[in-house]
Amino acid sequence: MVSINFKRWMKFTSPEKRRAVAKGADTSPAQLHHLVTGYRKASSDLAARIEAASNGEVTRADINETCRSCKYFKECNK
């Protein structure tokens, strides 16, 4: 399940920015849509690429449950 932050980001971010983030994360805008609707789940690798491409506006924990529960991720984001 993705976070409210990711859903909000998808809703209020321009299509141009979503395309740029998708391109920077080596995925597609359609894949971002699939992630936010729950049709697909993101790997931790894809979640990290999206985090980097969005300059941290969306974190890997917003997209991936494994990252969300990772003690190392929690430690790094204190």
Protein backbone atom coordinates (compact mmCIF):
# COMPACT_ATOMS: atom_id res chain seq x y z
CA MET A 1 0.00 0.00 0.00
CA VAL A 2 1.37 3.40 -0.95
CA SER A 3 1.30 6.41 1.33
CA ILE A 4 -1.01 9.40 1.25
CA ASN A 5 2.06 11.49 0.42
CA PHE A 6 2.62 9.63 -2.85
CA LYS A 7 -1.08 9.82 -3.74
CA ARG A 8 -1.10 13.56 -3.03
CA TRP A 9 2.09 14.06 -5.02
CA MET A 10 0.60 12.25 -8.03
CA LYS A 11 -2.59 14.27 -7.81
CA PHE A 12 -1.02 17.72 -7.52
CA THR A 13 2.14 17.33 -9.59
CA SER A 14 2.03 18.48 -13.19
CA PRO A 15 2.05 15.89 -15.96
CA GLU A 16 5.37 17.31 -17.16
CA LYS A 17 6.99 16.76 -13.78
CA ARG A 18 5.54 13.24 -13.49
CA ARG A 19 7.00 12.45 -16.92
CA ALA A 20 10.39 13.89 -15.87
CA VAL A 21 10.44 11.87 -12.65
CA ALA A 22 9.41 8.71 -14.49
CA LYS A 23 12.16 9.26 -17.06
CA GLY A 24 14.72 9.95 -14.32
CA ALA A 25 13.66 6.77 -12.53
CA ASP A 26 13.87 4.75 -15.76
CA THR A 27 10.16 3.93 -15.73
CA SER A 28 7.00 5.36 -17.30
CA PRO A 29 4.23 7.69 -16.17
CA ALA A 30 1.85 4.74 -16.62
CA GLN A 31 3.93 2.72 -14.15
CA LEU A 32 3.68 5.57 -11.61
CA HIS A 33 -0.09 5.49 -12.07
CA HIS A 34 -0.11 1.71 -11.58
CA LEU A 35 1.87 2.12 -8.36
CA VAL A 36 -0.41 4.78 -6.90
CA THR A 37 -3.57 2.82 -7.70
CA GLY A 38 -2.15 -0.40 -6.28
CA TYR A 39 -2.31 -2.22 -9.61
CA ARG A 40 1.43 -2.87 -9.29
CA LYS A 41 3.93 -2.81 -6.45
CA ALA A 42 7.32 -1.14 -6.62
CA SER A 43 10.52 -3.00 -5.90
CA SER A 44 12.83 -1.36 -3.40
CA ASP A 45 15.14 -0.52 -6.32
CA LEU A 46 12.39 1.26 -8.26
CA ALA A 47 11.24 3.06 -5.10
CA ALA A 48 14.81 4.32 -4.56
CA ARG A 49 15.05 5.51 -8.18
CA ILE A 50 11.75 7.40 -7.85
CA GLU A 51 12.95 8.97 -4.60
CA ALA A 52 16.14 10.15 -6.32
CA ALA A 53 14.34 11.38 -9.45
CA SER A 54 11.81 13.34 -7.38
CA ASN A 55 14.59 14.90 -5.28
CA GLY A 56 13.05 13.36 -2.18
CA GLU A 57 9.55 14.78 -2.71
CA VAL A 58 8.45 11.15 -2.66
CA THR A 59 10.47 8.81 -0.47
CA ARG A 60 11.06 5.12 -1.03
CA ALA A 61 9.01 4.49 2.12
CA ASP A 62 6.06 6.26 0.47
CA ILE A 63 6.09 3.63 -2.27
CA ASN A 64 7.49 0.39 -0.87
CA GLU A 65 6.33 -1.39 2.31
CA THR A 66 9.63 -3.17 2.80
CA CYS A 67 11.48 0.15 2.78
CA ARG A 68 8.87 1.62 5.13
CA SER A 69 9.54 -1.08 7.71
CA CYS A 70 13.34 -1.16 7.26
CA LYS A 71 15.15 -0.21 10.45
CA TYR A 72 18.04 1.25 8.42
CA PHE A 73 15.72 3.53 6.47
CA LYS A 74 14.16 4.71 9.74
CA GLU A 75 17.59 5.37 11.25
CA CYS A 76 18.75 7.37 8.23
CA ASN A 77 15.66 9.57 8.21
CA LYS A 78 15.65 10.72 11.83
